[in-house]
N, C-alpha and C. Protein backbone atom coordinates (compact mmCIF):
# COMPACT_ATOMS: atom_id res chain seq x y z
N MET A 1 -14.30 -4.03 34.13
CA MET A 1 -14.73 -5.21 33.40
C MET A 1 -13.51 -5.87 32.75
N ALA A 2 -13.35 -7.17 32.94
CA ALA A 2 -12.19 -7.88 32.41
C ALA A 2 -12.33 -8.07 30.90
N ILE A 3 -11.19 -8.02 30.23
CA ILE A 3 -11.16 -8.24 28.80
C ILE A 3 -10.48 -9.58 28.54
N LYS A 4 -11.13 -10.44 27.81
CA LYS A 4 -10.54 -11.72 27.48
C LYS A 4 -9.45 -11.53 26.44
N PRO A 5 -8.24 -12.03 26.71
CA PRO A 5 -7.18 -11.88 25.71
C PRO A 5 -7.38 -12.82 24.54
N LEU A 6 -6.85 -12.44 23.40
CA LEU A 6 -6.77 -13.35 22.27
C LEU A 6 -5.80 -14.47 22.66
N VAL A 7 -6.18 -15.70 22.41
CA VAL A 7 -5.34 -16.82 22.85
C VAL A 7 -4.81 -17.57 21.63
N ILE A 8 -3.48 -17.63 21.54
CA ILE A 8 -2.80 -18.28 20.43
C ILE A 8 -2.19 -19.59 20.90
N GLY A 9 -2.51 -20.67 20.22
CA GLY A 9 -1.90 -21.95 20.53
C GLY A 9 -0.69 -22.16 19.63
N LEU A 10 0.51 -22.07 20.22
CA LEU A 10 1.75 -22.23 19.46
C LEU A 10 2.20 -23.68 19.54
N THR A 11 2.39 -24.29 18.38
CA THR A 11 2.78 -25.70 18.36
C THR A 11 3.75 -25.96 17.22
N GLY A 12 4.32 -27.16 17.22
CA GLY A 12 5.27 -27.56 16.20
C GLY A 12 6.01 -28.79 16.67
N GLY A 13 6.68 -29.45 15.77
CA GLY A 13 7.41 -30.66 16.11
C GLY A 13 8.62 -30.38 16.98
N ILE A 14 9.18 -31.42 17.54
CA ILE A 14 10.38 -31.28 18.36
C ILE A 14 11.50 -30.66 17.52
N GLY A 15 12.16 -29.67 18.09
CA GLY A 15 13.26 -29.02 17.39
C GLY A 15 12.84 -28.01 16.34
N SER A 16 11.56 -27.67 16.31
CA SER A 16 11.10 -26.72 15.29
C SER A 16 11.39 -25.27 15.67
N GLY A 17 11.58 -25.02 16.98
CA GLY A 17 11.89 -23.67 17.41
C GLY A 17 10.81 -23.00 18.22
N LYS A 18 9.97 -23.80 18.87
CA LYS A 18 8.85 -23.24 19.65
C LYS A 18 9.35 -22.34 20.78
N SER A 19 10.36 -22.80 21.49
CA SER A 19 10.86 -22.04 22.64
C SER A 19 11.46 -20.71 22.19
N ALA A 20 12.20 -20.74 21.10
CA ALA A 20 12.81 -19.51 20.59
C ALA A 20 11.73 -18.50 20.18
N ALA A 21 10.71 -18.99 19.49
CA ALA A 21 9.62 -18.11 19.07
C ALA A 21 8.87 -17.57 20.28
N ALA A 22 8.63 -18.42 21.27
CA ALA A 22 7.91 -17.99 22.48
C ALA A 22 8.67 -16.89 23.20
N GLU A 23 9.98 -17.03 23.30
CA GLU A 23 10.79 -16.00 23.95
C GLU A 23 10.70 -14.68 23.21
N MET A 24 10.63 -14.75 21.90
CA MET A 24 10.51 -13.53 21.10
C MET A 24 9.14 -12.88 21.30
N PHE A 25 8.09 -13.68 21.35
CA PHE A 25 6.77 -13.13 21.65
C PHE A 25 6.78 -12.44 23.02
N LYS A 26 7.49 -13.03 23.95
CA LYS A 26 7.58 -12.46 25.30
C LYS A 26 8.27 -11.09 25.27
N THR A 27 9.32 -10.95 24.45
CA THR A 27 10.02 -9.66 24.37
C THR A 27 9.15 -8.58 23.75
N PHE A 28 8.16 -9.01 22.94
CA PHE A 28 7.22 -8.05 22.36
C PHE A 28 6.06 -7.73 23.31
N GLY A 29 6.07 -8.34 24.50
CA GLY A 29 5.08 -8.01 25.52
C GLY A 29 3.94 -8.98 25.65
N ALA A 30 4.00 -10.12 24.98
CA ALA A 30 2.91 -11.10 25.09
C ALA A 30 3.05 -11.92 26.36
N LYS A 31 1.94 -12.38 26.88
CA LYS A 31 1.94 -13.33 27.98
C LYS A 31 2.17 -14.71 27.38
N VAL A 32 3.20 -15.43 27.86
CA VAL A 32 3.51 -16.76 27.35
C VAL A 32 3.27 -17.79 28.44
N ILE A 33 2.50 -18.81 28.11
CA ILE A 33 2.18 -19.90 29.04
C ILE A 33 2.66 -21.19 28.39
N ASP A 34 3.60 -21.86 29.04
CA ASP A 34 4.28 -23.01 28.44
C ASP A 34 3.81 -24.32 29.08
N ALA A 35 3.23 -25.20 28.27
CA ALA A 35 2.73 -26.47 28.78
C ALA A 35 3.84 -27.33 29.36
N ASP A 36 5.03 -27.29 28.77
CA ASP A 36 6.14 -28.09 29.27
C ASP A 36 6.57 -27.66 30.66
N ILE A 37 6.56 -26.35 30.91
CA ILE A 37 6.92 -25.85 32.25
C ILE A 37 5.89 -26.31 33.27
N ILE A 38 4.63 -26.20 32.91
CA ILE A 38 3.56 -26.66 33.81
C ILE A 38 3.68 -28.16 34.05
N ALA A 39 3.99 -28.90 32.98
CA ALA A 39 4.12 -30.36 33.10
C ALA A 39 5.21 -30.74 34.09
N ARG A 40 6.29 -29.99 34.08
CA ARG A 40 7.37 -30.27 35.04
C ARG A 40 6.95 -29.93 36.46
N GLU A 41 6.18 -28.86 36.60
CA GLU A 41 5.75 -28.43 37.93
C GLU A 41 4.80 -29.44 38.58
N ILE A 42 3.93 -30.05 37.80
CA ILE A 42 2.93 -30.94 38.40
C ILE A 42 3.49 -32.33 38.73
N VAL A 43 4.73 -32.60 38.26
CA VAL A 43 5.37 -33.86 38.64
C VAL A 43 6.64 -33.58 39.46
N ALA A 44 6.69 -32.40 40.08
CA ALA A 44 7.84 -32.06 40.92
C ALA A 44 7.88 -32.97 42.15
N LYS A 45 8.97 -32.93 42.84
CA LYS A 45 9.20 -33.78 44.00
C LYS A 45 8.05 -33.69 45.00
N ASP A 46 7.54 -34.85 45.42
CA ASP A 46 6.51 -34.99 46.46
C ASP A 46 5.11 -34.55 46.01
N THR A 47 4.91 -34.26 44.73
CA THR A 47 3.57 -33.90 44.27
C THR A 47 2.70 -35.16 44.17
N PRO A 48 1.38 -35.02 44.29
CA PRO A 48 0.49 -36.19 44.19
C PRO A 48 0.65 -36.96 42.89
N LEU A 49 0.82 -36.24 41.77
CA LEU A 49 0.94 -36.92 40.49
C LEU A 49 2.23 -37.73 40.42
N LEU A 50 3.31 -37.20 40.95
CA LEU A 50 4.57 -37.96 40.96
C LEU A 50 4.40 -39.25 41.77
N LYS A 51 3.69 -39.16 42.86
CA LYS A 51 3.46 -40.35 43.68
C LYS A 51 2.67 -41.40 42.90
N ASP A 52 1.69 -40.95 42.09
CA ASP A 52 0.91 -41.88 41.27
C ASP A 52 1.79 -42.53 40.20
N ILE A 53 2.68 -41.75 39.62
CA ILE A 53 3.59 -42.27 38.59
C ILE A 53 4.53 -43.32 39.18
N ILE A 54 5.07 -43.03 40.35
CA ILE A 54 5.99 -43.97 40.99
C ILE A 54 5.25 -45.23 41.43
N LEU A 55 4.00 -45.07 41.84
CA LEU A 55 3.19 -46.23 42.21
C LEU A 55 2.99 -47.15 41.01
N ARG A 56 2.89 -46.57 39.83
CA ARG A 56 2.66 -47.35 38.62
C ARG A 56 3.95 -47.96 38.06
N TYR A 57 5.04 -47.20 38.10
CA TYR A 57 6.27 -47.64 37.43
C TYR A 57 7.42 -48.01 38.36
N GLY A 58 7.29 -47.69 39.63
CA GLY A 58 8.34 -48.05 40.57
C GLY A 58 9.32 -46.94 40.87
N LYS A 59 10.05 -47.09 41.97
CA LYS A 59 10.98 -46.07 42.44
C LYS A 59 12.20 -45.91 41.55
N ALA A 60 12.38 -46.82 40.59
CA ALA A 60 13.52 -46.71 39.67
C ALA A 60 13.44 -45.43 38.84
N LEU A 61 12.23 -44.83 38.78
CA LEU A 61 12.07 -43.60 38.01
C LEU A 61 12.47 -42.36 38.80
N LEU A 62 12.88 -42.55 40.05
CA LEU A 62 13.31 -41.42 40.86
C LEU A 62 14.83 -41.26 40.81
N SER A 63 15.28 -40.02 40.76
CA SER A 63 16.70 -39.73 40.85
C SER A 63 17.12 -39.82 42.31
N PRO A 64 18.42 -39.82 42.60
CA PRO A 64 18.88 -39.86 44.01
C PRO A 64 18.30 -38.74 44.87
N SER A 65 17.96 -37.61 44.23
CA SER A 65 17.42 -36.47 44.98
C SER A 65 15.91 -36.57 45.20
N GLY A 66 15.28 -37.61 44.60
CA GLY A 66 13.85 -37.79 44.76
C GLY A 66 13.02 -37.15 43.67
N ASP A 67 13.68 -36.62 42.64
CA ASP A 67 12.98 -36.02 41.51
C ASP A 67 12.69 -37.07 40.44
N LEU A 68 11.75 -36.77 39.56
CA LEU A 68 11.42 -37.68 38.47
C LEU A 68 12.53 -37.70 37.44
N ASP A 69 12.94 -38.89 37.04
CA ASP A 69 13.90 -39.04 35.95
C ASP A 69 13.09 -39.04 34.65
N ARG A 70 13.01 -37.89 34.02
CA ARG A 70 12.15 -37.72 32.85
C ARG A 70 12.64 -38.54 31.65
N THR A 71 13.95 -38.77 31.59
CA THR A 71 14.49 -39.57 30.49
C THR A 71 13.99 -41.00 30.57
N LYS A 72 13.98 -41.57 31.76
CA LYS A 72 13.49 -42.94 31.94
C LYS A 72 11.99 -43.02 31.66
N LEU A 73 11.25 -42.01 32.08
CA LEU A 73 9.81 -42.01 31.82
C LEU A 73 9.54 -41.89 30.33
N LYS A 74 10.31 -41.05 29.65
CA LYS A 74 10.14 -40.89 28.21
C LYS A 74 10.40 -42.21 27.49
N ALA A 75 11.39 -42.97 27.96
CA ALA A 75 11.70 -44.27 27.34
C ALA A 75 10.52 -45.23 27.47
N ILE A 76 9.84 -45.18 28.61
CA ILE A 76 8.69 -46.07 28.83
C ILE A 76 7.56 -45.75 27.86
N ILE A 77 7.23 -44.47 27.71
CA ILE A 77 6.09 -44.12 26.86
C ILE A 77 6.43 -44.22 25.37
N LEU A 78 7.71 -44.14 25.02
CA LEU A 78 8.10 -44.34 23.64
C LEU A 78 7.91 -45.80 23.23
N GLU A 79 8.11 -46.69 24.20
CA GLU A 79 8.04 -48.12 23.91
C GLU A 79 6.62 -48.68 24.04
N ASN A 80 5.75 -47.97 24.77
CA ASN A 80 4.43 -48.51 25.04
C ASN A 80 3.35 -47.44 24.88
N PRO A 81 2.63 -47.44 23.76
CA PRO A 81 1.59 -46.43 23.52
C PRO A 81 0.51 -46.40 24.60
N LYS A 82 0.21 -47.55 25.22
CA LYS A 82 -0.82 -47.57 26.26
C LYS A 82 -0.37 -46.77 27.48
N GLU A 83 0.93 -46.83 27.77
CA GLU A 83 1.44 -46.06 28.91
C GLU A 83 1.45 -44.57 28.59
N LYS A 84 1.70 -44.25 27.35
CA LYS A 84 1.63 -42.85 26.91
C LYS A 84 0.21 -42.32 27.11
N THR A 85 -0.77 -43.13 26.72
CA THR A 85 -2.17 -42.73 26.88
C THR A 85 -2.52 -42.54 28.36
N TRP A 86 -2.05 -43.46 29.21
CA TRP A 86 -2.32 -43.33 30.64
C TRP A 86 -1.71 -42.05 31.21
N LEU A 87 -0.46 -41.81 30.88
CA LEU A 87 0.22 -40.63 31.41
C LEU A 87 -0.47 -39.34 30.97
N GLU A 88 -0.85 -39.28 29.70
CA GLU A 88 -1.54 -38.09 29.19
C GLU A 88 -2.89 -37.90 29.85
N SER A 89 -3.58 -39.00 30.16
CA SER A 89 -4.89 -38.90 30.82
C SER A 89 -4.76 -38.32 32.22
N GLN A 90 -3.60 -38.49 32.84
CA GLN A 90 -3.36 -37.93 34.17
C GLN A 90 -2.90 -36.48 34.10
N MET A 91 -2.05 -36.19 33.11
CA MET A 91 -1.40 -34.88 33.07
C MET A 91 -2.21 -33.80 32.34
N HIS A 92 -2.81 -34.16 31.21
CA HIS A 92 -3.42 -33.14 30.37
C HIS A 92 -4.54 -32.34 31.04
N PRO A 93 -5.47 -32.99 31.75
CA PRO A 93 -6.51 -32.19 32.41
C PRO A 93 -5.93 -31.17 33.41
N MET A 94 -4.88 -31.58 34.13
CA MET A 94 -4.25 -30.68 35.09
C MET A 94 -3.56 -29.53 34.38
N ILE A 95 -2.85 -29.85 33.31
CA ILE A 95 -2.13 -28.81 32.56
C ILE A 95 -3.10 -27.79 32.00
N TYR A 96 -4.19 -28.25 31.38
CA TYR A 96 -5.13 -27.33 30.77
C TYR A 96 -5.90 -26.51 31.80
N GLN A 97 -6.15 -27.08 32.98
CA GLN A 97 -6.81 -26.31 34.03
C GLN A 97 -5.92 -25.16 34.50
N ILE A 98 -4.65 -25.44 34.66
CA ILE A 98 -3.70 -24.40 35.08
C ILE A 98 -3.57 -23.34 33.99
N MET A 99 -3.52 -23.78 32.74
CA MET A 99 -3.47 -22.82 31.63
C MET A 99 -4.69 -21.91 31.62
N GLN A 100 -5.85 -22.51 31.83
CA GLN A 100 -7.08 -21.72 31.83
C GLN A 100 -7.05 -20.65 32.92
N THR A 101 -6.56 -21.02 34.08
CA THR A 101 -6.44 -20.06 35.17
C THR A 101 -5.49 -18.93 34.81
N GLN A 102 -4.36 -19.27 34.19
CA GLN A 102 -3.37 -18.25 33.83
C GLN A 102 -3.88 -17.34 32.73
N ILE A 103 -4.68 -17.88 31.81
CA ILE A 103 -5.30 -17.04 30.78
C ILE A 103 -6.23 -16.01 31.42
N GLN A 104 -7.01 -16.46 32.39
CA GLN A 104 -7.95 -15.57 33.08
C GLN A 104 -7.22 -14.46 33.83
N GLN A 105 -5.99 -14.73 34.24
CA GLN A 105 -5.21 -13.74 34.98
C GLN A 105 -4.40 -12.81 34.07
N ALA A 106 -4.37 -13.12 32.78
CA ALA A 106 -3.55 -12.35 31.84
C ALA A 106 -4.10 -10.93 31.67
N THR A 107 -3.19 -9.98 31.56
CA THR A 107 -3.58 -8.57 31.36
C THR A 107 -3.07 -8.04 30.02
N THR A 108 -2.50 -8.90 29.20
CA THR A 108 -1.98 -8.51 27.89
C THR A 108 -3.05 -8.67 26.82
N PRO A 109 -2.92 -7.97 25.69
CA PRO A 109 -3.92 -8.09 24.62
C PRO A 109 -4.06 -9.52 24.10
N TYR A 110 -2.96 -10.24 24.07
CA TYR A 110 -3.02 -11.64 23.64
C TYR A 110 -2.01 -12.45 24.44
N CYS A 111 -2.26 -13.73 24.52
CA CYS A 111 -1.30 -14.61 25.18
C CYS A 111 -1.03 -15.82 24.30
N VAL A 112 0.15 -16.37 24.46
CA VAL A 112 0.60 -17.49 23.65
C VAL A 112 0.71 -18.73 24.53
N LEU A 113 -0.04 -19.77 24.16
CA LEU A 113 0.06 -21.05 24.85
C LEU A 113 1.00 -21.94 24.04
N VAL A 114 2.12 -22.28 24.62
CA VAL A 114 3.07 -23.17 23.94
C VAL A 114 2.68 -24.61 24.27
N ILE A 115 2.12 -25.30 23.29
CA ILE A 115 1.62 -26.66 23.50
C ILE A 115 2.22 -27.56 22.42
N PRO A 116 3.30 -28.27 22.73
CA PRO A 116 3.97 -29.09 21.71
C PRO A 116 3.04 -30.08 21.02
N LEU A 117 2.12 -30.68 21.77
CA LEU A 117 1.24 -31.71 21.20
C LEU A 117 -0.19 -31.19 20.99
N LEU A 118 -0.32 -29.94 20.68
CA LEU A 118 -1.64 -29.34 20.50
C LEU A 118 -2.44 -30.05 19.42
N VAL A 119 -1.86 -30.23 18.25
CA VAL A 119 -2.57 -30.88 17.15
C VAL A 119 -2.92 -32.32 17.51
N GLU A 120 -1.96 -33.03 18.13
CA GLU A 120 -2.20 -34.41 18.51
C GLU A 120 -3.34 -34.51 19.52
N ASN A 121 -3.39 -33.57 20.46
CA ASN A 121 -4.45 -33.59 21.47
C ASN A 121 -5.82 -33.28 20.86
N ILE A 122 -5.86 -32.37 19.90
CA ILE A 122 -7.12 -32.07 19.22
C ILE A 122 -7.61 -33.31 18.46
N LEU A 123 -6.70 -33.97 17.77
CA LEU A 123 -7.06 -35.18 17.02
C LEU A 123 -7.54 -36.29 17.94
N ALA A 124 -6.89 -36.43 19.11
CA ALA A 124 -7.30 -37.45 20.07
C ALA A 124 -8.71 -37.18 20.58
N TYR A 125 -9.01 -35.90 20.81
CA TYR A 125 -10.35 -35.53 21.27
C TYR A 125 -11.39 -35.84 20.20
N GLU A 126 -11.09 -35.43 18.96
CA GLU A 126 -12.05 -35.63 17.88
C GLU A 126 -12.27 -37.12 17.59
N LYS A 127 -11.23 -37.92 17.76
CA LYS A 127 -11.35 -39.37 17.56
C LYS A 127 -12.21 -40.01 18.64
N ALA A 128 -12.12 -39.46 19.87
CA ALA A 128 -12.84 -40.04 21.00
C ALA A 128 -14.31 -39.65 21.02
N ILE A 129 -14.67 -38.57 20.37
CA ILE A 129 -16.05 -38.07 20.40
C ILE A 129 -17.09 -39.14 20.04
N PRO A 130 -16.91 -39.88 18.93
CA PRO A 130 -17.95 -40.88 18.58
C PRO A 130 -18.10 -41.99 19.61
N ASN A 131 -17.03 -42.21 20.41
CA ASN A 131 -17.08 -43.28 21.41
C ASN A 131 -17.87 -42.90 22.66
N LYS A 132 -18.10 -41.59 22.82
CA LYS A 132 -18.85 -41.09 23.97
C LYS A 132 -18.32 -41.70 25.27
N THR A 133 -17.03 -41.48 25.49
CA THR A 133 -16.38 -42.12 26.63
C THR A 133 -16.53 -41.35 27.94
N GLY A 134 -17.42 -40.38 27.97
CA GLY A 134 -17.75 -39.69 29.21
C GLY A 134 -16.56 -39.02 29.88
N ARG A 135 -16.37 -39.31 31.15
CA ARG A 135 -15.33 -38.63 31.92
C ARG A 135 -13.93 -38.97 31.42
N HIS A 136 -13.80 -40.01 30.63
CA HIS A 136 -12.49 -40.39 30.10
C HIS A 136 -12.18 -39.68 28.78
N LEU A 137 -13.10 -38.86 28.31
CA LEU A 137 -12.88 -38.15 27.06
C LEU A 137 -11.71 -37.19 27.22
N PRO A 138 -10.76 -37.17 26.27
CA PRO A 138 -9.63 -36.24 26.37
C PRO A 138 -10.12 -34.79 26.39
N PHE A 139 -9.31 -33.91 26.97
CA PHE A 139 -9.66 -32.49 27.01
C PHE A 139 -9.56 -31.92 25.60
N ASN A 140 -10.49 -31.05 25.25
CA ASN A 140 -10.48 -30.41 23.94
C ASN A 140 -9.74 -29.08 24.01
N PRO A 141 -8.50 -29.02 23.49
CA PRO A 141 -7.71 -27.79 23.58
C PRO A 141 -8.35 -26.61 22.85
N ARG A 142 -9.21 -26.90 21.88
CA ARG A 142 -9.85 -25.80 21.14
C ARG A 142 -10.69 -24.92 22.06
N ARG A 143 -11.08 -25.44 23.20
CA ARG A 143 -11.86 -24.64 24.15
C ARG A 143 -11.06 -23.47 24.70
N LEU A 144 -9.73 -23.58 24.65
CA LEU A 144 -8.88 -22.54 25.23
C LEU A 144 -8.39 -21.52 24.23
N ILE A 145 -8.27 -21.91 22.97
CA ILE A 145 -7.55 -21.07 22.01
C ILE A 145 -8.44 -20.48 20.93
N ASN A 146 -7.98 -19.35 20.40
CA ASN A 146 -8.68 -18.69 19.29
C ASN A 146 -8.03 -19.01 17.95
N ARG A 147 -6.70 -19.17 17.97
CA ARG A 147 -5.97 -19.43 16.72
C ARG A 147 -4.84 -20.43 16.98
N ILE A 148 -4.52 -21.20 15.95
CA ILE A 148 -3.40 -22.14 16.02
C ILE A 148 -2.25 -21.59 15.17
N LEU A 149 -1.09 -21.44 15.82
CA LEU A 149 0.12 -21.01 15.15
C LEU A 149 1.09 -22.18 15.10
N VAL A 150 1.43 -22.61 13.90
CA VAL A 150 2.37 -23.72 13.72
C VAL A 150 3.73 -23.18 13.32
N ILE A 151 4.76 -23.60 14.04
CA ILE A 151 6.13 -23.28 13.64
C ILE A 151 6.69 -24.52 12.97
N ASP A 152 7.17 -24.33 11.75
CA ASP A 152 7.55 -25.46 10.91
C ASP A 152 9.03 -25.38 10.57
N ALA A 153 9.66 -26.56 10.49
CA ALA A 153 11.07 -26.65 10.10
C ALA A 153 11.27 -27.99 9.41
N SER A 154 12.32 -28.10 8.62
CA SER A 154 12.59 -29.35 7.92
C SER A 154 12.98 -30.43 8.93
N THR A 155 12.70 -31.68 8.57
CA THR A 155 13.03 -32.80 9.46
C THR A 155 14.53 -32.85 9.74
N ALA A 156 15.32 -32.59 8.72
CA ALA A 156 16.78 -32.62 8.89
C ALA A 156 17.23 -31.58 9.90
N LEU A 157 16.65 -30.40 9.83
CA LEU A 157 17.02 -29.33 10.76
C LEU A 157 16.51 -29.63 12.16
N GLN A 158 15.31 -30.18 12.26
CA GLN A 158 14.78 -30.58 13.57
C GLN A 158 15.72 -31.59 14.23
N THR A 159 16.12 -32.60 13.47
CA THR A 159 17.01 -33.64 13.99
C THR A 159 18.33 -33.04 14.45
N LYS A 160 18.90 -32.16 13.67
CA LYS A 160 20.17 -31.52 14.02
C LYS A 160 20.04 -30.72 15.31
N ARG A 161 18.96 -29.94 15.44
CA ARG A 161 18.77 -29.11 16.64
C ARG A 161 18.61 -29.96 17.89
N VAL A 162 17.81 -31.02 17.79
CA VAL A 162 17.56 -31.87 18.95
C VAL A 162 18.83 -32.62 19.35
N ASN A 163 19.59 -33.06 18.36
CA ASN A 163 20.86 -33.74 18.64
C ASN A 163 21.82 -32.82 19.38
N GLN A 164 21.89 -31.57 18.95
CA GLN A 164 22.79 -30.61 19.59
C GLN A 164 22.29 -30.21 20.98
N ARG A 165 20.99 -30.11 21.13
CA ARG A 165 20.40 -29.65 22.39
C ARG A 165 20.34 -30.75 23.45
N ASP A 166 19.83 -31.92 23.03
CA ASP A 166 19.57 -33.00 23.99
C ASP A 166 20.55 -34.17 23.89
N HIS A 167 21.42 -34.11 22.90
CA HIS A 167 22.42 -35.17 22.70
C HIS A 167 21.76 -36.55 22.50
N LEU A 168 20.63 -36.56 21.80
CA LEU A 168 19.95 -37.82 21.49
C LEU A 168 20.45 -38.33 20.14
N ASP A 169 20.47 -39.66 19.99
CA ASP A 169 20.88 -40.21 18.71
C ASP A 169 19.74 -40.11 17.71
N GLU A 170 20.05 -40.29 16.44
CA GLU A 170 19.07 -40.11 15.38
C GLU A 170 17.90 -41.08 15.48
N LYS A 171 18.16 -42.31 15.94
CA LYS A 171 17.10 -43.30 16.06
C LYS A 171 16.06 -42.87 17.09
N THR A 172 16.53 -42.33 18.23
CA THR A 172 15.62 -41.87 19.28
C THR A 172 14.82 -40.67 18.79
N ILE A 173 15.50 -39.77 18.11
CA ILE A 173 14.82 -38.58 17.59
C ILE A 173 13.75 -38.98 16.57
N GLU A 174 14.10 -39.95 15.73
CA GLU A 174 13.14 -40.45 14.74
C GLU A 174 11.91 -41.06 15.41
N SER A 175 12.13 -41.77 16.53
CA SER A 175 11.02 -42.37 17.27
C SER A 175 10.09 -41.29 17.81
N ILE A 176 10.67 -40.22 18.32
CA ILE A 176 9.87 -39.11 18.85
C ILE A 176 9.08 -38.45 17.73
N LEU A 177 9.73 -38.20 16.61
CA LEU A 177 9.05 -37.58 15.47
C LEU A 177 7.90 -38.43 14.96
N ASN A 178 8.08 -39.75 14.99
CA ASN A 178 7.03 -40.65 14.52
C ASN A 178 5.81 -40.66 15.42
N LEU A 179 5.98 -40.27 16.69
CA LEU A 179 4.86 -40.20 17.62
C LEU A 179 4.07 -38.90 17.45
N GLN A 180 4.68 -37.94 16.77
CA GLN A 180 4.05 -36.64 16.61
C GLN A 180 3.32 -36.55 15.27
N ALA A 181 2.42 -35.60 15.18
CA ALA A 181 1.70 -35.38 13.92
C ALA A 181 2.70 -34.98 12.83
N ASN A 182 2.40 -35.34 11.60
CA ASN A 182 3.30 -34.95 10.52
C ASN A 182 3.04 -33.50 10.10
N THR A 183 3.95 -33.00 9.29
CA THR A 183 3.89 -31.60 8.88
C THR A 183 2.57 -31.25 8.20
N GLN A 184 2.12 -32.12 7.30
CA GLN A 184 0.89 -31.84 6.55
C GLN A 184 -0.32 -31.71 7.48
N THR A 185 -0.37 -32.57 8.49
CA THR A 185 -1.50 -32.54 9.43
C THR A 185 -1.48 -31.24 10.23
N ARG A 186 -0.31 -30.85 10.70
CA ARG A 186 -0.22 -29.59 11.46
C ARG A 186 -0.61 -28.40 10.60
N LEU A 187 -0.05 -28.33 9.41
CA LEU A 187 -0.31 -27.18 8.56
C LEU A 187 -1.78 -27.09 8.16
N ALA A 188 -2.44 -28.24 8.05
CA ALA A 188 -3.86 -28.24 7.71
C ALA A 188 -4.70 -27.60 8.80
N MET A 189 -4.23 -27.65 10.03
CA MET A 189 -4.97 -27.07 11.16
C MET A 189 -4.56 -25.63 11.46
N ALA A 190 -3.48 -25.17 10.85
CA ALA A 190 -2.91 -23.88 11.22
C ALA A 190 -3.72 -22.69 10.71
N ASP A 191 -3.85 -21.70 11.58
CA ASP A 191 -4.37 -20.39 11.16
C ASP A 191 -3.22 -19.50 10.71
N ASP A 192 -2.06 -19.71 11.33
CA ASP A 192 -0.86 -18.94 11.02
C ASP A 192 0.33 -19.91 11.02
N VAL A 193 1.34 -19.59 10.21
CA VAL A 193 2.52 -20.45 10.10
C VAL A 193 3.79 -19.61 10.16
N ILE A 194 4.76 -20.10 10.91
CA ILE A 194 6.12 -19.55 10.91
C ILE A 194 7.03 -20.60 10.29
N GLN A 195 7.80 -20.22 9.29
CA GLN A 195 8.80 -21.09 8.71
C GLN A 195 10.14 -20.80 9.38
N ASN A 196 10.68 -21.81 10.07
CA ASN A 196 11.89 -21.59 10.86
C ASN A 196 13.05 -22.44 10.33
N ASN A 197 13.41 -22.18 9.08
CA ASN A 197 14.53 -22.88 8.47
C ASN A 197 15.72 -21.95 8.22
N ASP A 198 15.62 -20.74 8.76
CA ASP A 198 16.63 -19.73 8.46
C ASP A 198 17.26 -19.22 9.76
N THR A 199 17.65 -17.96 9.79
CA THR A 199 18.34 -17.37 10.93
C THR A 199 17.36 -16.93 12.02
N LEU A 200 17.90 -16.61 13.19
CA LEU A 200 17.08 -16.08 14.28
C LEU A 200 16.47 -14.73 13.90
N ASN A 201 17.19 -13.95 13.11
CA ASN A 201 16.65 -12.66 12.66
C ASN A 201 15.43 -12.88 11.76
N ALA A 202 15.49 -13.92 10.93
CA ALA A 202 14.34 -14.23 10.08
C ALA A 202 13.14 -14.67 10.92
N LEU A 203 13.43 -15.44 11.96
CA LEU A 203 12.37 -15.86 12.88
C LEU A 203 11.76 -14.66 13.59
N LYS A 204 12.63 -13.76 14.07
CA LYS A 204 12.16 -12.58 14.80
C LYS A 204 11.29 -11.70 13.92
N SER A 205 11.63 -11.60 12.64
CA SER A 205 10.84 -10.79 11.71
C SER A 205 9.42 -11.33 11.58
N GLN A 206 9.29 -12.65 11.53
CA GLN A 206 7.96 -13.27 11.43
C GLN A 206 7.17 -13.11 12.72
N VAL A 207 7.85 -13.24 13.85
CA VAL A 207 7.18 -13.06 15.14
C VAL A 207 6.70 -11.61 15.28
N LYS A 208 7.52 -10.68 14.86
CA LYS A 208 7.14 -9.26 14.95
C LYS A 208 5.89 -8.98 14.12
N ALA A 209 5.82 -9.55 12.93
CA ALA A 209 4.65 -9.34 12.07
C ALA A 209 3.40 -9.94 12.71
N LEU A 210 3.55 -11.12 13.33
CA LEU A 210 2.40 -11.76 13.99
C LEU A 210 1.99 -11.00 15.24
N ASP A 211 2.96 -10.44 15.95
CA ASP A 211 2.64 -9.64 17.14
C ASP A 211 1.72 -8.48 16.74
N LYS A 212 2.05 -7.82 15.65
CA LYS A 212 1.21 -6.71 15.17
C LYS A 212 -0.18 -7.22 14.78
N LYS A 213 -0.22 -8.36 14.09
CA LYS A 213 -1.49 -8.94 13.66
C LYS A 213 -2.35 -9.31 14.86
N TYR A 214 -1.75 -9.94 15.86
CA TYR A 214 -2.52 -10.40 17.03
C TYR A 214 -3.02 -9.24 17.86
N ARG A 215 -2.29 -8.16 17.92
CA ARG A 215 -2.76 -6.98 18.66
C ARG A 215 -3.98 -6.37 17.98
N ILE A 216 -3.99 -6.41 16.66
CA ILE A 216 -5.16 -5.92 15.93
C ILE A 216 -6.35 -6.84 16.16
N LEU A 217 -6.11 -8.15 16.05
CA LEU A 217 -7.20 -9.11 16.24
C LEU A 217 -7.74 -9.10 17.66
N SER A 218 -6.88 -8.79 18.62
CA SER A 218 -7.31 -8.81 20.02
C SER A 218 -8.38 -7.77 20.31
N ARG A 219 -8.43 -6.74 19.51
CA ARG A 219 -9.44 -5.69 19.71
C ARG A 219 -10.84 -6.18 19.39
N GLU A 220 -10.91 -7.32 18.68
CA GLU A 220 -12.21 -7.88 18.33
C GLU A 220 -12.77 -8.78 19.41
N ILE A 221 -11.93 -9.12 20.42
CA ILE A 221 -12.38 -9.96 21.50
C ILE A 221 -13.37 -9.20 22.37
N LYS A 222 -14.53 -9.83 22.63
CA LYS A 222 -15.58 -9.16 23.39
C LYS A 222 -15.24 -9.08 24.87
N HIS A 223 -15.84 -8.12 25.54
CA HIS A 223 -15.73 -8.04 27.00
C HIS A 223 -16.51 -9.18 27.64
N ILE A 224 -15.96 -9.66 28.75
CA ILE A 224 -16.68 -10.73 29.47
C ILE A 224 -16.93 -10.31 30.91
């Protein structure tokens, strides 16, 4: 009889340290499923979704090798909220379906879903509910997860990390941050919080404590 794993939705703003925390959970034996990795896979060269994107925005979004130029696509959705909505309506159902399949295949006591825009997606779903938009209703991420884990860091530290990692200027980083939920909104939804304003050892200590907590909680998950 299969045992459903405890499912943790790990989220946080850009540069908060989601990837670092996810890698640490992985070293403790957790199954980690990353929405960004899946997102890249579904728009890989010659995929149906990439063809739809190019049909909408033109071949200028392709690199010489035929891959999607993600920087150019990001610039489009930063400048036009309607295009962001369109892109998410194409990608999110596919991403969550793949995540659901991977959760079902998991053999670990708990698994961590790394979803950068988890809070934003939940809010979009809740906002759409009164409109009863039928098949156009955004996917409800709460259907997949048992707990929300927010990794939090100061805006100054987020900006510094993203600048060092992606070499983006402060104005671009500020634009990205403004598109994301603010700290108060994320923390209000959180079941668990990691504060990532210190060293990697401090981060690892918090992840280790949560690993122990999640293993205990996973025993409460019923057989399916």
